[in-house]
């Protein structure tokens, strides 16, 4: 088991950068671009310099929990003179430019400049060294801002045709307001456990949502989280052939867990692989285990993917957009019998 601890400085910096220009509203079109794309606007000489090397290293690192490995983002370089009105609608834009008056380098962030939801990050400095230093210092926060914008794009898609029936079940019986696409259909509900599934030609996406009483912080132990996940995968497969059980694959790739703050609550994010009992199926999963202290319960969101031969990073971000869109309310009290 690998455990990563989020750098608090990056979180605070990301929040600062995220809110720095949030009041900018766009009257432009819906943002365009492929999943996970960042358009990097700068001169060829800058792109081929150590600045470009730093950008590539920071933004194309491997996304955790995927096999085969996939980069977090796909970078598309374009010279400033070629950055026309059509390309300005891309939803993730990073500009790197020289500015003689900015001696120590500066990072500026903007939202919805030419389209929506759009994130534009501008890094400027009086020379290559100033630009390099400014980007390197803020690279973690910049990466997080683009991740947030990807989730915002998926959230907008989720809201187009929400699953009203599923939404009512979550609100009334789980105390969770959650915008989930109507493509997800209820497969099983048992007590405080709900299994949803979205089947298409490209992929099968499963979403497990469950709650149980909170009594010990040990419930955030990475090993405990995986054990709990396995128990719910067995619950999901009850009444089905054993092949339907999708347990954690601890051998092919070690799961990675990261402590974090989720909407002001302690949580652990886990990325890893699952496999069916006889090994014929498998894929990645993403699990958020959250301590909902005000309601004395643990909430688990777990999304798993089966998409042979397809890239998976967009599906991971789609699940995270669903998770981060959740709002917790007081659960409905059970009536006396």
Protein backbone atom coordinates (compact mmCIF):
# COMPACT_ATOMS: atom_id res chain seq x y z
CA UNK A 1 0.00 0.00 0.00
CA UNK A 2 1.33 3.39 -1.00
CA UNK A 3 0.16 6.43 0.97
CA UNK A 4 0.52 9.97 -0.34
CA UNK A 5 -0.08 13.08 1.77
CA UNK A 6 -1.37 16.14 -0.06
CA UNK A 7 0.82 19.21 0.24
CA UNK A 8 -1.24 21.71 2.20
CA UNK A 9 0.63 24.62 0.64
CA UNK A 10 -0.52 23.46 -2.80
CA UNK A 11 -4.13 23.25 -1.57
CA UNK A 12 -4.11 26.74 -0.13
CA UNK A 13 -2.39 28.13 -3.19
CA UNK A 14 -4.87 26.41 -5.48
CA UNK A 15 -7.77 27.89 -3.53
CA UNK A 16 -6.16 31.35 -3.74
CA UNK A 17 -5.53 31.07 -7.45
CA UNK A 18 -8.97 29.58 -8.04
CA UNK A 19 -10.72 32.49 -6.37
CA UNK A 20 -8.44 35.24 -7.61
CA UNK A 21 -10.44 36.00 -10.74
CA UNK A 22 -13.62 33.97 -10.24
CA UNK A 23 -15.93 36.91 -10.86
CA UNK A 24 -15.04 36.97 -14.56
CA UNK A 25 -18.18 35.92 -16.45
CA UNK A 26 -18.27 34.72 -20.04
CA UNK A 27 -20.94 35.36 -22.60
CA UNK A 28 -19.10 33.08 -24.98
CA UNK A 29 -19.88 29.59 -26.19
CA UNK A 30 -19.57 26.26 -24.42
CA UNK A 31 -15.94 25.27 -23.98
CA UNK A 32 -14.43 22.84 -26.47
CA UNK A 33 -11.54 20.41 -26.46
CA UNK A 34 -10.89 16.79 -25.72
CA UNK A 35 -10.83 15.27 -22.25
CA UNK A 36 -7.70 16.16 -20.31
CA UNK A 37 -6.32 18.51 -22.96
CA UNK A 38 -4.34 21.62 -22.04
CA UNK A 39 -3.46 24.03 -24.83
CA UNK A 40 -0.08 25.61 -24.12
CA UNK A 41 0.35 28.96 -25.88
CA UNK A 42 3.94 30.15 -26.12
CA UNK A 43 6.82 30.69 -28.54
CA UNK A 44 8.61 27.70 -30.03
CA UNK A 45 11.84 28.72 -28.33
CA UNK A 46 10.17 28.80 -24.92
CA UNK A 47 8.47 25.45 -25.51
CA UNK A 48 11.80 23.86 -26.39
CA UNK A 49 13.59 25.42 -23.40
CA UNK A 50 13.76 24.25 -19.75
CA UNK A 51 10.43 26.05 -19.27
CA UNK A 52 8.75 23.64 -21.67
CA UNK A 53 10.51 20.72 -20.02
CA UNK A 54 9.17 21.79 -16.62
CA UNK A 55 5.63 22.14 -17.97
CA UNK A 56 5.73 18.69 -19.54
CA UNK A 57 7.14 17.10 -16.38
CA UNK A 58 4.53 18.70 -14.12
CA UNK A 59 1.41 18.22 -16.24
CA UNK A 60 1.99 14.89 -17.95
CA UNK A 61 2.95 12.85 -14.91
CA UNK A 62 1.20 9.48 -14.67
CA UNK A 63 -2.29 9.41 -13.20
CA UNK A 64 -2.30 7.14 -10.18
CA UNK A 65 -4.08 3.79 -10.26
CA UNK A 66 -4.19 3.19 -14.02
CA UNK A 67 -2.68 0.32 -15.95
CA UNK A 68 -1.48 0.81 -18.60
CA UNK A 69 -0.27 4.18 -17.38
CA UNK A 70 -1.87 7.36 -18.70
CA UNK A 71 -0.67 10.97 -18.33
CA UNK A 72 -2.82 13.29 -16.25
CA UNK A 73 -3.08 15.69 -19.19
CA UNK A 74 -2.38 15.81 -22.90
CA UNK A 75 -0.46 18.97 -23.81
CA UNK A 76 -0.96 20.64 -27.18
CA UNK A 77 1.53 23.39 -27.96
CA UNK A 78 0.60 26.27 -30.23
CA UNK A 79 2.41 29.51 -31.05
CA UNK A 80 0.70 32.70 -29.90
CA UNK A 81 0.29 33.93 -33.49
CA UNK A 82 -1.73 30.80 -34.33
CA UNK A 83 -3.99 31.00 -31.27
CA UNK A 84 -7.10 32.11 -33.17
CA UNK A 85 -10.72 32.70 -32.14
CA UNK A 86 -11.67 29.07 -32.71
CA UNK A 87 -8.88 27.76 -30.48
CA UNK A 88 -9.63 30.30 -27.78
CA UNK A 89 -12.74 28.33 -26.87
CA UNK A 90 -10.61 25.44 -25.54
CA UNK A 91 -11.48 24.83 -21.92
CA UNK A 92 -7.93 24.53 -20.51
CA UNK A 93 -5.38 27.12 -21.64
CA UNK A 94 -1.88 27.78 -20.29
CA UNK A 95 -0.04 30.79 -21.66
CA UNK A 96 3.69 31.40 -21.13
CA UNK A 97 5.02 34.78 -22.13
CA UNK A 98 7.77 37.35 -21.74
CA UNK A 99 6.97 40.64 -20.01
CA UNK A 100 9.93 42.98 -19.37
CA UNK A 101 8.28 44.67 -16.38
CA UNK A 102 7.67 41.46 -14.40
CA UNK A 103 11.09 40.75 -12.94
CA UNK A 104 10.37 37.83 -10.60
CA UNK A 105 7.61 36.11 -12.55
CA UNK A 106 3.88 36.06 -12.00
CA UNK A 107 0.99 33.59 -12.25
CA UNK A 108 -2.47 34.91 -13.08
CA UNK A 109 -5.60 32.79 -13.36
CA UNK A 110 -8.83 33.60 -15.17
CA UNK A 111 -12.10 31.78 -15.68
CA UNK A 112 -14.53 31.80 -18.58
CA UNK A 113 -12.58 34.29 -20.69
CA UNK A 114 -13.64 33.07 -24.14
CA UNK A 115 -15.95 30.16 -23.26
CA UNK A 116 -17.34 28.26 -20.28
CA UNK A 117 -16.38 26.36 -18.21
CA UNK A 118 -12.88 27.58 -19.05
CA UNK A 119 -9.67 27.91 -17.06
CA UNK A 120 -6.88 30.16 -18.33
CA UNK A 121 -3.56 30.28 -16.48
CA UNK A 122 -1.02 32.93 -17.50
CA UNK A 123 2.62 32.70 -16.45
CA UNK A 124 4.71 35.78 -17.24
CA UNK A 125 8.22 36.98 -16.49
CA UNK A 126 11.02 39.16 -17.75
CA UNK A 127 12.99 36.15 -18.99
CA UNK A 128 13.04 32.38 -19.21
CA UNK A 129 14.36 32.02 -15.66
CA UNK A 130 11.60 34.18 -14.16
CA UNK A 131 8.92 32.22 -16.05
CA UNK A 132 10.49 28.90 -15.05
CA UNK A 133 10.66 29.87 -11.37
CA UNK A 134 7.07 31.13 -11.30
CA UNK A 135 5.72 27.99 -12.97
CA UNK A 136 7.79 25.58 -10.89
CA UNK A 137 6.77 27.23 -7.63
CA UNK A 138 3.06 27.04 -8.51
CA UNK A 139 2.96 23.87 -10.65
CA UNK A 140 1.05 21.81 -8.08
CA UNK A 141 -1.65 24.44 -7.72
CA UNK A 142 -1.85 24.95 -11.48
CA UNK A 143 -2.30 21.23 -12.03
CA UNK A 144 -5.08 21.18 -9.43
CA UNK A 145 -6.85 24.11 -11.08
CA UNK A 146 -6.97 22.30 -14.41
CA UNK A 147 -8.23 19.18 -12.63
CA UNK A 148 -10.97 21.25 -11.03
CA UNK A 149 -11.96 22.64 -14.41
CA UNK A 150 -12.17 19.14 -15.88
CA UNK A 151 -14.52 18.19 -13.06
CA UNK A 152 -16.57 21.35 -13.71
CA UNK A 153 -16.97 20.31 -17.34
CA UNK A 154 -18.18 16.85 -16.38
CA UNK A 155 -20.52 18.35 -13.77
CA UNK A 156 -22.14 20.45 -16.47
CA UNK A 157 -22.66 17.31 -18.53
CA UNK A 158 -24.12 15.44 -15.54
CA UNK A 159 -26.69 18.21 -15.11
CA UNK A 160 -28.02 18.04 -18.67
CA UNK A 161 -30.16 14.96 -18.03
CA UNK A 162 -30.04 14.19 -14.31
CA UNK A 163 -31.36 10.94 -12.89
CA UNK A 164 -34.32 12.27 -10.93
CA UNK A 165 -35.40 8.95 -9.45
CA UNK A 166 -31.92 8.11 -8.21
CA UNK A 167 -31.53 11.67 -6.95
CA UNK A 168 -34.69 11.37 -4.85
CA UNK A 169 -33.54 8.09 -3.32
CA UNK A 170 -30.21 9.61 -2.35
CA UNK A 171 -31.83 12.71 -0.89
CA UNK A 172 -34.67 11.00 0.98
CA UNK A 173 -32.92 7.86 2.20
CA UNK A 174 -29.20 8.73 2.33
CA UNK A 175 -29.29 12.43 3.12
CA UNK A 176 -27.14 13.19 0.07
CA UNK A 177 -27.97 15.70 -2.64
CA UNK A 178 -26.11 14.54 -5.71
CA UNK A 179 -26.38 15.32 -9.40
CA UNK A 180 -25.98 12.05 -11.28
CA UNK A 181 -26.58 11.61 -14.98
CA UNK A 182 -29.72 9.72 -15.93
CA UNK A 183 -27.46 7.25 -17.76
CA UNK A 184 -26.84 5.63 -14.36
CA UNK A 185 -29.56 3.14 -13.49
CA UNK A 186 -30.28 1.56 -10.12
CA UNK A 187 -29.10 -2.05 -9.99
CA UNK A 188 -29.41 -2.82 -6.29
CA UNK A 189 -30.42 -1.17 -3.06
CA UNK A 190 -29.98 -2.89 0.28
CA UNK A 191 -30.32 -0.81 3.44
CA UNK A 192 -27.70 1.93 3.28
CA UNK A 193 -26.10 0.54 0.11
CA UNK A 194 -26.90 1.63 -3.43
CA UNK A 195 -25.42 0.30 -6.66
CA UNK A 196 -25.82 2.24 -9.91
CA UNK A 197 -24.58 1.26 -13.34
CA UNK A 198 -24.10 3.00 -16.68
CA UNK A 199 -23.74 0.57 -19.59
CA UNK A 200 -22.69 1.72 -23.04
CA UNK A 201 -20.82 0.24 -25.99
CA UNK A 202 -17.65 1.98 -24.83
CA UNK A 203 -17.68 1.11 -21.14
CA UNK A 204 -19.49 -0.12 -18.08
CA UNK A 205 -19.36 2.33 -15.18
CA UNK A 206 -20.46 1.25 -11.73
CA UNK A 207 -21.09 3.53 -8.78
CA UNK A 208 -21.42 2.21 -5.23
CA UNK A 209 -22.71 4.57 -2.54
CA UNK A 210 -22.95 3.44 1.05
CA UNK A 211 -23.07 4.79 4.57
CA UNK A 212 -22.40 3.21 7.95
CA UNK A 213 -21.93 4.46 11.53
CA UNK A 214 -18.74 6.28 12.41
CA UNK A 215 -17.06 5.10 15.60
CA UNK A 216 -13.31 5.22 15.04
CA UNK A 217 -10.81 7.11 12.91
CA UNK A 218 -9.31 3.69 12.11
CA UNK A 219 -12.03 3.51 9.47
CA UNK A 220 -9.77 5.78 7.40
CA UNK A 221 -6.93 3.27 7.51
CA UNK A 222 -6.12 2.41 3.86
CA UNK A 223 -6.20 -1.36 4.55
CA UNK A 224 -9.60 -1.02 6.26
CA UNK A 225 -10.96 0.96 3.31
CA UNK A 226 -10.00 -1.84 0.93
CA UNK A 227 -11.54 -4.47 3.22
CA UNK A 228 -14.77 -2.47 3.39
CA UNK A 229 -14.74 -2.10 -0.39
CA UNK A 230 -14.42 -5.84 -0.87
CA UNK A 231 -17.36 -6.45 1.47
CA UNK A 232 -19.57 -4.10 -0.53
CA UNK A 233 -18.52 -5.63 -3.84
CA UNK A 234 -19.69 -8.98 -2.48
CA UNK A 235 -22.96 -7.38 -1.39
CA UNK A 236 -23.39 -5.95 -4.89
CA UNK A 237 -22.94 -9.42 -6.41
CA UNK A 238 -25.32 -11.28 -4.11
CA UNK A 239 -27.59 -13.51 -6.17
CA UNK A 240 -25.29 -13.30 -9.18
CA UNK A 241 -22.57 -15.71 -10.43
CA UNK A 242 -19.25 -15.55 -8.51
CA UNK A 243 -17.64 -13.94 -11.57
CA UNK A 244 -19.64 -10.81 -10.70
CA UNK A 245 -17.61 -10.13 -7.55
CA UNK A 246 -15.13 -7.35 -8.31
CA UNK A 247 -12.59 -7.43 -5.50
CA UNK A 248 -9.53 -5.21 -5.13
CA UNK A 249 -6.56 -6.37 -7.21
CA UNK A 250 -3.71 -5.94 -4.74
CA UNK A 251 -1.13 -7.81 -6.80
CA UNK A 252 -1.08 -6.25 -10.27
CA UNK A 253 -0.77 -2.67 -9.03
CA UNK A 254 -0.65 -1.51 -5.41
CA UNK A 255 -3.56 0.80 -4.55
CA UNK A 256 -2.61 4.39 -3.74
CA UNK A 257 -4.29 6.26 -0.90
CA UNK A 258 -4.19 9.98 -0.17
CA UNK A 259 -5.51 11.76 2.89
CA UNK A 260 -7.42 14.93 2.06
CA UNK A 261 -10.06 17.39 3.19
CA UNK A 262 -13.38 16.89 1.41
CA UNK A 263 -15.76 19.81 1.90
CA UNK A 264 -14.31 20.43 5.35
CA UNK A 265 -14.35 16.77 6.36
CA UNK A 266 -11.58 14.21 6.77
CA UNK A 267 -11.43 11.78 3.88
CA UNK A 268 -9.19 9.35 2.03
CA UNK A 269 -9.05 9.06 -1.73
CA UNK A 270 -7.97 5.66 -3.04
CA UNK A 271 -7.10 4.69 -6.61
CA UNK A 272 -6.46 1.13 -7.63
CA UNK A 273 -7.50 -1.83 -9.74
CA UNK A 274 -10.32 -4.35 -9.35
CA UNK A 275 -10.72 -7.79 -10.84
CA UNK A 276 -13.46 -10.38 -11.12
CA UNK A 277 -13.05 -13.55 -9.10
CA UNK A 278 -11.78 -15.70 -11.97
CA UNK A 279 -9.77 -12.86 -13.50
CA UNK A 280 -11.62 -12.43 -16.80
CA UNK A 281 -12.56 -8.82 -16.11
CA UNK A 282 -10.87 -5.89 -14.45
CA UNK A 283 -10.20 -2.19 -14.49
CA UNK A 284 -9.57 0.83 -12.28
CA UNK A 285 -11.61 2.13 -9.38
CA UNK A 286 -11.69 5.36 -7.41
CA UNK A 287 -12.92 5.41 -3.83
CA UNK A 288 -13.67 8.36 -1.55
CA UNK A 289 -14.19 7.38 2.09
CA UNK A 290 -15.45 10.39 4.04
CA UNK A 291 -15.99 10.98 7.77
CA UNK A 292 -19.31 12.82 7.97
CA UNK A 293 -18.76 13.79 11.62
CA UNK A 294 -21.83 16.06 12.00
CA UNK A 295 -24.05 13.08 11.20
CA UNK A 296 -21.77 10.49 12.87
CA UNK A 297 -21.41 8.34 9.81
CA UNK A 298 -18.97 7.28 7.14
CA UNK A 299 -19.90 7.87 3.51
CA UNK A 300 -18.28 5.86 0.73
CA UNK A 301 -18.39 6.81 -2.94
CA UNK A 302 -16.80 4.17 -5.17
CA UNK A 303 -16.67 4.29 -8.95
CA UNK A 304 -15.35 1.38 -10.99
CA UNK A 305 -14.70 1.08 -14.70
CA UNK A 306 -14.69 -1.75 -17.23
CA UNK A 307 -13.56 -0.43 -20.61
CA UNK A 308 -11.16 -2.85 -22.32
CA UNK A 309 -8.86 -1.13 -24.78
CA UNK A 310 -10.09 2.36 -23.85
CA UNK A 311 -8.35 5.15 -21.97
CA UNK A 312 -9.68 5.54 -18.43
CA UNK A 313 -8.61 8.94 -17.10
CA UNK A 314 -11.76 10.74 -18.29
CA UNK A 315 -13.93 8.17 -16.51
CA UNK A 316 -11.99 8.74 -13.30
CA UNK A 317 -12.59 12.49 -13.59
CA UNK A 318 -16.26 11.89 -14.39
CA UNK A 319 -16.64 10.03 -11.10
CA UNK A 320 -14.77 12.73 -9.20
CA UNK A 321 -17.10 15.36 -10.63
CA UNK A 322 -20.02 13.37 -9.21
CA UNK A 323 -18.33 12.97 -5.83
CA UNK A 324 -17.39 16.64 -5.47
CA UNK A 325 -20.90 17.69 -6.41
CA UNK A 326 -22.34 15.96 -3.34
CA UNK A 327 -23.94 17.95 -0.53
CA UNK A 328 -24.79 16.25 2.74
CA UNK A 329 -28.05 16.96 4.60
CA UNK A 330 -29.67 15.47 7.65
CA UNK A 331 -30.77 11.93 6.79
CA UNK A 332 -34.46 11.15 7.09
CA UNK A 333 -35.17 9.63 10.48
CA UNK A 334 -36.51 6.10 10.34
CA UNK A 335 -40.09 5.82 11.48
CA UNK A 336 -40.85 3.72 14.55
CA UNK A 337 -42.32 0.34 13.79
